[in-house]
Protein backbone atom coordinates (compact mmCIF):
# COMPACT_ATOMS: atom_id res chain seq x y z
CA UNK A 1 0.00 0.00 0.00
CA UNK A 2 2.79 2.38 0.92
CA UNK A 3 4.44 1.99 -2.49
CA UNK A 4 1.13 2.63 -4.23
CA UNK A 5 0.63 5.82 -2.20
CA UNK A 6 4.14 7.01 -2.96
CA UNK A 7 3.66 6.30 -6.66
CA UNK A 8 0.45 8.31 -6.64
CA UNK A 9 1.83 11.28 -4.69
CA UNK A 10 5.38 11.56 -6.03
CA UNK A 11 6.53 8.88 -8.50
CA UNK A 12 10.05 10.37 -8.57
CA UNK A 13 10.59 9.00 -5.04
CA UNK A 14 10.55 5.51 -6.50
CA UNK A 15 13.47 4.33 -8.56
CA UNK A 16 14.66 0.91 -9.70
CA UNK A 17 16.98 -1.11 -7.50
CA UNK A 18 20.44 -1.55 -9.00
CA UNK A 19 21.89 -4.98 -8.27
CA UNK A 20 25.60 -5.53 -8.03
CA UNK A 21 27.40 -7.18 -10.90
CA UNK A 22 27.65 -10.94 -10.94
CA UNK A 23 31.42 -10.72 -10.42
CA UNK A 24 31.00 -8.48 -7.37
CA UNK A 25 28.44 -10.87 -5.90
CA UNK A 26 30.79 -13.80 -6.48
CA UNK A 27 33.65 -11.95 -4.79
CA UNK A 28 31.40 -11.04 -1.84
CA UNK A 29 30.90 -14.77 -1.29
CA UNK A 30 34.47 -14.88 0.07
CA UNK A 31 33.63 -12.35 2.75
CA UNK A 32 30.24 -13.85 3.62
CA UNK A 33 31.52 -17.40 3.97
CA UNK A 34 34.54 -16.27 5.98
CA UNK A 35 32.17 -14.47 8.32
CA UNK A 36 30.10 -17.64 8.70
CA UNK A 37 33.18 -19.68 9.61
CA UNK A 38 34.37 -17.08 12.11
CA UNK A 39 30.96 -17.10 13.81
CA UNK A 40 31.02 -20.90 13.99
CA UNK A 41 34.50 -20.77 15.49
CA UNK A 42 33.36 -18.31 18.15
CA UNK A 43 30.36 -20.51 18.97
CA UNK A 44 32.55 -23.60 19.40
CA UNK A 45 35.10 -21.75 21.56
CA UNK A 46 32.31 -20.36 23.75
CA UNK A 47 30.69 -23.78 24.08
CA UNK A 48 33.96 -25.43 25.09
CA UNK A 49 34.84 -22.70 27.58
CA UNK A 50 31.49 -22.84 29.35
CA UNK A 51 31.36 -26.64 29.31
CA UNK A 52 34.77 -26.77 30.94
CA UNK A 53 33.78 -24.06 33.38
CA UNK A 54 30.87 -26.22 34.54
CA UNK A 55 33.46 -28.93 35.27
CA UNK A 56 35.54 -26.52 37.34
CA UNK A 57 38.17 -25.85 34.66
CA UNK A 58 38.59 -22.21 33.76
CA UNK A 59 40.44 -21.30 30.59
CA UNK A 60 41.74 -17.85 29.82
CA UNK A 61 40.52 -16.29 26.62
CA UNK A 62 43.30 -16.26 24.04
CA UNK A 63 42.25 -15.34 20.53
CA UNK A 64 40.06 -17.88 18.77
CA UNK A 65 42.83 -18.94 16.39
CA UNK A 66 45.06 -20.03 19.30
CA UNK A 67 42.33 -21.48 21.51
CA UNK A 68 42.57 -25.12 20.37
CA UNK A 69 46.28 -25.44 21.15
CA UNK A 70 45.87 -23.53 24.41
CA UNK A 71 43.01 -25.82 25.49
CA UNK A 72 45.00 -28.96 24.64
CA UNK A 73 47.90 -27.78 26.81
CA UNK A 74 45.59 -26.74 29.64
CA UNK A 75 43.76 -30.08 29.57
CA UNK A 76 46.83 -32.34 29.51
CA UNK A 77 46.25 -32.94 33.24
CA UNK A 78 42.67 -34.05 32.48
CA UNK A 79 43.03 -36.71 29.73
CA UNK A 80 39.45 -37.96 30.03
CA UNK A 81 38.02 -34.48 29.53
CA UNK A 82 40.50 -33.80 26.73
CA UNK A 83 39.33 -36.93 24.90
CA UNK A 84 35.74 -35.67 25.10
CA UNK A 85 36.64 -32.19 23.87
CA UNK A 86 39.14 -33.35 21.21
CA UNK A 87 36.64 -33.58 18.31
CA UNK A 88 35.53 -29.98 18.89
CA UNK A 89 39.17 -28.88 19.08
CA UNK A 90 39.82 -30.69 15.79
CA UNK A 91 36.87 -28.84 14.27
CA UNK A 92 38.45 -25.58 15.45
CA UNK A 93 41.70 -26.55 13.72
CA UNK A 94 39.80 -27.06 10.48
CA UNK A 95 37.91 -23.79 10.85
CA UNK A 96 41.17 -21.93 11.56
CA UNK A 97 42.72 -23.35 8.39
CA UNK A 98 39.65 -22.40 6.35
CA UNK A 99 39.55 -18.85 7.75
CA UNK A 100 43.26 -18.43 6.89
CA UNK A 101 42.55 -19.64 3.35
CA UNK A 102 39.69 -17.16 2.98
CA UNK A 103 41.98 -14.41 4.31
CA UNK A 104 44.54 -15.34 1.66
CA UNK A 105 41.90 -15.32 -1.10
CA UNK A 106 40.46 -11.99 0.07
CA UNK A 107 43.94 -10.44 0.10
CA UNK A 108 44.67 -11.77 -3.40
CA UNK A 109 41.29 -10.67 -4.77
CA UNK A 110 41.76 -7.18 -3.31
CA UNK A 111 45.23 -6.83 -4.78
CA UNK A 112 44.55 -8.33 -8.22
CA UNK A 113 40.99 -7.27 -9.09
CA UNK A 114 40.30 -4.19 -6.97
CA UNK A 115 43.39 -1.95 -6.71
CA UNK A 116 41.23 0.85 -5.25
CA UNK A 117 41.18 -1.11 -1.99
CA UNK A 118 44.82 -0.08 -1.46
CA UNK A 119 43.77 3.55 -0.91
CA UNK A 120 41.05 2.56 1.54
CA UNK A 121 43.52 0.45 3.51
CA UNK A 122 45.62 3.54 4.19
CA UNK A 123 42.92 4.59 6.66
CA UNK A 124 43.68 3.42 10.19
CA UNK A 125 41.60 0.38 11.11
CA UNK A 126 40.61 -0.49 7.54
CA UNK A 127 41.97 -3.86 6.50
CA UNK A 128 41.51 -6.03 3.43
CA UNK A 129 38.07 -7.34 4.43
CA UNK A 130 36.54 -3.93 5.15
CA UNK A 131 38.10 -2.36 2.06
CA UNK A 132 36.98 -5.14 -0.28
CA UNK A 133 33.49 -5.27 1.21
CA UNK A 134 33.12 -1.50 0.77
CA UNK A 135 34.35 -1.54 -2.84
CA UNK A 136 32.15 -4.48 -3.79
CA UNK A 137 29.08 -3.00 -2.12
CA UNK A 138 29.50 0.48 -3.61
CA UNK A 139 30.81 -0.77 -6.96
CA UNK A 140 31.33 2.72 -8.34
C-alpha atoms as a PDB file:
ATOM      1  CA  UNK A   1       0.000   0.000   0.000  1.00  0.00           C
ATOM      2  CA  UNK A   2       2.789   2.377   0.917  1.00  0.00           C
ATOM      3  CA  UNK A   3       4.444   1.990  -2.485  1.00  0.00           C
ATOM      4  CA  UNK A   4       1.132   2.632  -4.231  1.00  0.00           C
ATOM      5  CA  UNK A   5       0.626   5.819  -2.200  1.00  0.00           C
ATOM      6  CA  UNK A   6       4.144   7.012  -2.960  1.00  0.00           C
ATOM      7  CA  UNK A   7       3.662   6.302  -6.662  1.00  0.00           C
ATOM      8  CA  UNK A   8       0.448   8.308  -6.643  1.00  0.00           C
ATOM      9  CA  UNK A   9       1.826  11.282  -4.691  1.00  0.00           C
ATOM     10  CA  UNK A  10       5.382  11.557  -6.033  1.00  0.00           C
ATOM     11  CA  UNK A  11       6.529   8.880  -8.497  1.00  0.00           C
ATOM     12  CA  UNK A  12      10.051  10.367  -8.565  1.00  0.00           C
ATOM     13  CA  UNK A  13      10.593   9.004  -5.040  1.00  0.00           C
ATOM     14  CA  UNK A  14      10.549   5.510  -6.498  1.00  0.00           C
ATOM     15  CA  UNK A  15      13.474   4.327  -8.560  1.00  0.00           C
ATOM     16  CA  UNK A  16      14.659   0.910  -9.701  1.00  0.00           C
ATOM     17  CA  UNK A  17      16.984  -1.111  -7.505  1.00  0.00           C
ATOM     18  CA  UNK A  18      20.439  -1.551  -8.996  1.00  0.00           C
ATOM     19  CA  UNK A  19      21.887  -4.978  -8.268  1.00  0.00           C
ATOM     20  CA  UNK A  20      25.605  -5.526  -8.030  1.00  0.00           C
ATOM     21  CA  UNK A  21      27.396  -7.176 -10.903  1.00  0.00           C
ATOM     22  CA  UNK A  22      27.648 -10.939 -10.937  1.00  0.00           C
ATOM     23  CA  UNK A  23      31.419 -10.718 -10.419  1.00  0.00           C
ATOM     24  CA  UNK A  24      31.003  -8.477  -7.370  1.00  0.00           C
ATOM     25  CA  UNK A  25      28.441 -10.866  -5.902  1.00  0.00           C
ATOM     26  CA  UNK A  26      30.786 -13.803  -6.482  1.00  0.00           C
ATOM     27  CA  UNK A  27      33.648 -11.952  -4.793  1.00  0.00           C
ATOM     28  CA  UNK A  28      31.396 -11.042  -1.845  1.00  0.00           C
ATOM     29  CA  UNK A  29      30.897 -14.771  -1.288  1.00  0.00           C
ATOM     30  CA  UNK A  30      34.469 -14.884   0.067  1.00  0.00           C
ATOM     31  CA  UNK A  31      33.626 -12.348   2.754  1.00  0.00           C
ATOM     32  CA  UNK A  32      30.242 -13.847   3.619  1.00  0.00           C
ATOM     33  CA  UNK A  33      31.520 -17.398   3.967  1.00  0.00           C
ATOM     34  CA  UNK A  34      34.542 -16.273   5.980  1.00  0.00           C
ATOM     35  CA  UNK A  35      32.169 -14.469   8.320  1.00  0.00           C
ATOM     36  CA  UNK A  36      30.100 -17.640   8.701  1.00  0.00           C
ATOM     37  CA  UNK A  37      33.177 -19.677   9.609  1.00  0.00           C
ATOM     38  CA  UNK A  38      34.369 -17.075  12.113  1.00  0.00           C
ATOM     39  CA  UNK A  39      30.960 -17.102  13.807  1.00  0.00           C
ATOM     40  CA  UNK A  40      31.017 -20.901  13.987  1.00  0.00           C
ATOM     41  CA  UNK A  41      34.503 -20.772  15.488  1.00  0.00           C
ATOM     42  CA  UNK A  42      33.359 -18.308  18.151  1.00  0.00           C
ATOM     43  CA  UNK A  43      30.358 -20.509  18.970  1.00  0.00           C
ATOM     44  CA  UNK A  44      32.551 -23.601  19.404  1.00  0.00           C
ATOM     45  CA  UNK A  45      35.096 -21.752  21.564  1.00  0.00           C
ATOM     46  CA  UNK A  46      32.311 -20.363  23.749  1.00  0.00           C
ATOM     47  CA  UNK A  47      30.694 -23.778  24.083  1.00  0.00           C
ATOM     48  CA  UNK A  48      33.964 -25.431  25.094  1.00  0.00           C
ATOM     49  CA  UNK A  49      34.838 -22.697  27.579  1.00  0.00           C
ATOM     50  CA  UNK A  50      31.486 -22.840  29.347  1.00  0.00           C
ATOM     51  CA  UNK A  51      31.357 -26.636  29.310  1.00  0.00           C
ATOM     52  CA  UNK A  52      34.775 -26.774  30.940  1.00  0.00           C
ATOM     53  CA  UNK A  53      33.781 -24.060  33.383  1.00  0.00           C
ATOM     54  CA  UNK A  54      30.871 -26.225  34.538  1.00  0.00           C
ATOM     55  CA  UNK A  55      33.459 -28.928  35.273  1.00  0.00           C
ATOM     56  CA  UNK A  56      35.545 -26.518  37.338  1.00  0.00           C
ATOM     57  CA  UNK A  57      38.166 -25.855  34.658  1.00  0.00           C
ATOM     58  CA  UNK A  58      38.595 -22.211  33.757  1.00  0.00           C
ATOM     59  CA  UNK A  59      40.444 -21.298  30.595  1.00  0.00           C
ATOM     60  CA  UNK A  60      41.739 -17.850  29.824  1.00  0.00           C
ATOM     61  CA  UNK A  61      40.523 -16.292  26.618  1.00  0.00           C
ATOM     62  CA  UNK A  62      43.297 -16.262  24.040  1.00  0.00           C
ATOM     63  CA  UNK A  63      42.249 -15.336  20.532  1.00  0.00           C
ATOM     64  CA  UNK A  64      40.060 -17.876  18.773  1.00  0.00           C
ATOM     65  CA  UNK A  65      42.829 -18.940  16.391  1.00  0.00           C
ATOM     66  CA  UNK A  66      45.059 -20.028  19.304  1.00  0.00           C
ATOM     67  CA  UNK A  67      42.327 -21.478  21.509  1.00  0.00           C
ATOM     68  CA  UNK A  68      42.567 -25.120  20.370  1.00  0.00           C
ATOM     69  CA  UNK A  69      46.279 -25.437  21.153  1.00  0.00           C
ATOM     70  CA  UNK A  70      45.865 -23.532  24.408  1.00  0.00           C
ATOM     71  CA  UNK A  71      43.012 -25.816  25.491  1.00  0.00           C
ATOM     72  CA  UNK A  72      44.999 -28.958  24.642  1.00  0.00           C
ATOM     73  CA  UNK A  73      47.898 -27.781  26.810  1.00  0.00           C
ATOM     74  CA  UNK A  74      45.590 -26.742  29.642  1.00  0.00           C
ATOM     75  CA  UNK A  75      43.756 -30.083  29.569  1.00  0.00           C
ATOM     76  CA  UNK A  76      46.833 -32.337  29.507  1.00  0.00           C
ATOM     77  CA  UNK A  77      46.249 -32.936  33.238  1.00  0.00           C
ATOM     78  CA  UNK A  78      42.670 -34.051  32.477  1.00  0.00           C
ATOM     79  CA  UNK A  79      43.033 -36.711  29.732  1.00  0.00           C
ATOM     80  CA  UNK A  80      39.449 -37.959  30.033  1.00  0.00           C
ATOM     81  CA  UNK A  81      38.022 -34.481  29.530  1.00  0.00           C
ATOM     82  CA  UNK A  82      40.502 -33.804  26.725  1.00  0.00           C
ATOM     83  CA  UNK A  83      39.328 -36.926  24.899  1.00  0.00           C
ATOM     84  CA  UNK A  84      35.738 -35.672  25.098  1.00  0.00           C
ATOM     85  CA  UNK A  85      36.639 -32.192  23.867  1.00  0.00           C
ATOM     86  CA  UNK A  86      39.138 -33.355  21.214  1.00  0.00           C
ATOM     87  CA  UNK A  87      36.640 -33.579  18.311  1.00  0.00           C
ATOM     88  CA  UNK A  88      35.530 -29.984  18.895  1.00  0.00           C
ATOM     89  CA  UNK A  89      39.168 -28.877  19.076  1.00  0.00           C
ATOM     90  CA  UNK A  90      39.822 -30.690  15.795  1.00  0.00           C
ATOM     91  CA  UNK A  91      36.868 -28.839  14.275  1.00  0.00           C
ATOM     92  CA  UNK A  92      38.446 -25.584  15.447  1.00  0.00           C
ATOM     93  CA  UNK A  93      41.700 -26.550  13.723  1.00  0.00           C
ATOM     94  CA  UNK A  94      39.797 -27.065  10.477  1.00  0.00           C
ATOM     95  CA  UNK A  95      37.912 -23.789  10.850  1.00  0.00           C
ATOM     96  CA  UNK A  96      41.167 -21.932  11.562  1.00  0.00           C
ATOM     97  CA  UNK A  97      42.724 -23.346   8.392  1.00  0.00           C
ATOM     98  CA  UNK A  98      39.650 -22.398   6.350  1.00  0.00           C
ATOM     99  CA  UNK A  99      39.554 -18.855   7.753  1.00  0.00           C
ATOM    100  CA  UNK A 100      43.257 -18.427   6.890  1.00  0.00           C
ATOM    101  CA  UNK A 101      42.549 -19.638   3.350  1.00  0.00           C
ATOM    102  CA  UNK A 102      39.693 -17.155   2.980  1.00  0.00           C
ATOM    103  CA  UNK A 103      41.982 -14.406   4.313  1.00  0.00           C
ATOM    104  CA  UNK A 104      44.542 -15.335   1.655  1.00  0.00           C
ATOM    105  CA  UNK A 105      41.901 -15.318  -1.098  1.00  0.00           C
ATOM    106  CA  UNK A 106      40.460 -11.989   0.072  1.00  0.00           C
ATOM    107  CA  UNK A 107      43.938 -10.442   0.104  1.00  0.00           C
ATOM    108  CA  UNK A 108      44.674 -11.769  -3.402  1.00  0.00           C
ATOM    109  CA  UNK A 109      41.289 -10.665  -4.765  1.00  0.00           C
ATOM    110  CA  UNK A 110      41.761  -7.180  -3.310  1.00  0.00           C
ATOM    111  CA  UNK A 111      45.228  -6.833  -4.777  1.00  0.00           C
ATOM    112  CA  UNK A 112      44.545  -8.332  -8.223  1.00  0.00           C
ATOM    113  CA  UNK A 113      40.987  -7.266  -9.093  1.00  0.00           C
ATOM    114  CA  UNK A 114      40.305  -4.188  -6.974  1.00  0.00           C
ATOM    115  CA  UNK A 115      43.388  -1.953  -6.710  1.00  0.00           C
ATOM    116  CA  UNK A 116      41.230   0.846  -5.246  1.00  0.00           C
ATOM    117  CA  UNK A 117      41.180  -1.111  -1.987  1.00  0.00           C
ATOM    118  CA  UNK A 118      44.819  -0.077  -1.457  1.00  0.00           C
ATOM    119  CA  UNK A 119      43.768   3.550  -0.913  1.00  0.00           C
ATOM    120  CA  UNK A 120      41.049   2.556   1.537  1.00  0.00           C
ATOM    121  CA  UNK A 121      43.522   0.450   3.509  1.00  0.00           C
ATOM    122  CA  UNK A 122      45.624   3.540   4.189  1.00  0.00           C
ATOM    123  CA  UNK A 123      42.922   4.593   6.658  1.00  0.00           C
ATOM    124  CA  UNK A 124      43.682   3.420  10.193  1.00  0.00           C
ATOM    125  CA  UNK A 125      41.596   0.384  11.112  1.00  0.00           C
ATOM    126  CA  UNK A 126      40.606  -0.487   7.539  1.00  0.00           C
ATOM    127  CA  UNK A 127      41.966  -3.859   6.503  1.00  0.00           C
ATOM    128  CA  UNK A 128      41.509  -6.027   3.431  1.00  0.00           C
ATOM    129  CA  UNK A 129      38.073  -7.341   4.430  1.00  0.00           C
ATOM    130  CA  UNK A 130      36.538  -3.930   5.153  1.00  0.00           C
ATOM    131  CA  UNK A 131      38.098  -2.360   2.056  1.00  0.00           C
ATOM    132  CA  UNK A 132      36.982  -5.144  -0.277  1.00  0.00           C
ATOM    133  CA  UNK A 133      33.489  -5.266   1.206  1.00  0.00           C
ATOM    134  CA  UNK A 134      33.123  -1.499   0.766  1.00  0.00           C
ATOM    135  CA  UNK A 135      34.353  -1.535  -2.838  1.00  0.00           C
ATOM    136  CA  UNK A 136      32.147  -4.481  -3.792  1.00  0.00           C
ATOM    137  CA  UNK A 137      29.082  -2.999  -2.122  1.00  0.00           C
ATOM    138  CA  UNK A 138      29.497   0.480  -3.609  1.00  0.00           C
ATOM    139  CA  UNK A 139      30.808  -0.767  -6.963  1.00  0.00           C
ATOM    140  CA  UNK A 140      31.330   2.721  -8.338  1.00  0.00           C
END
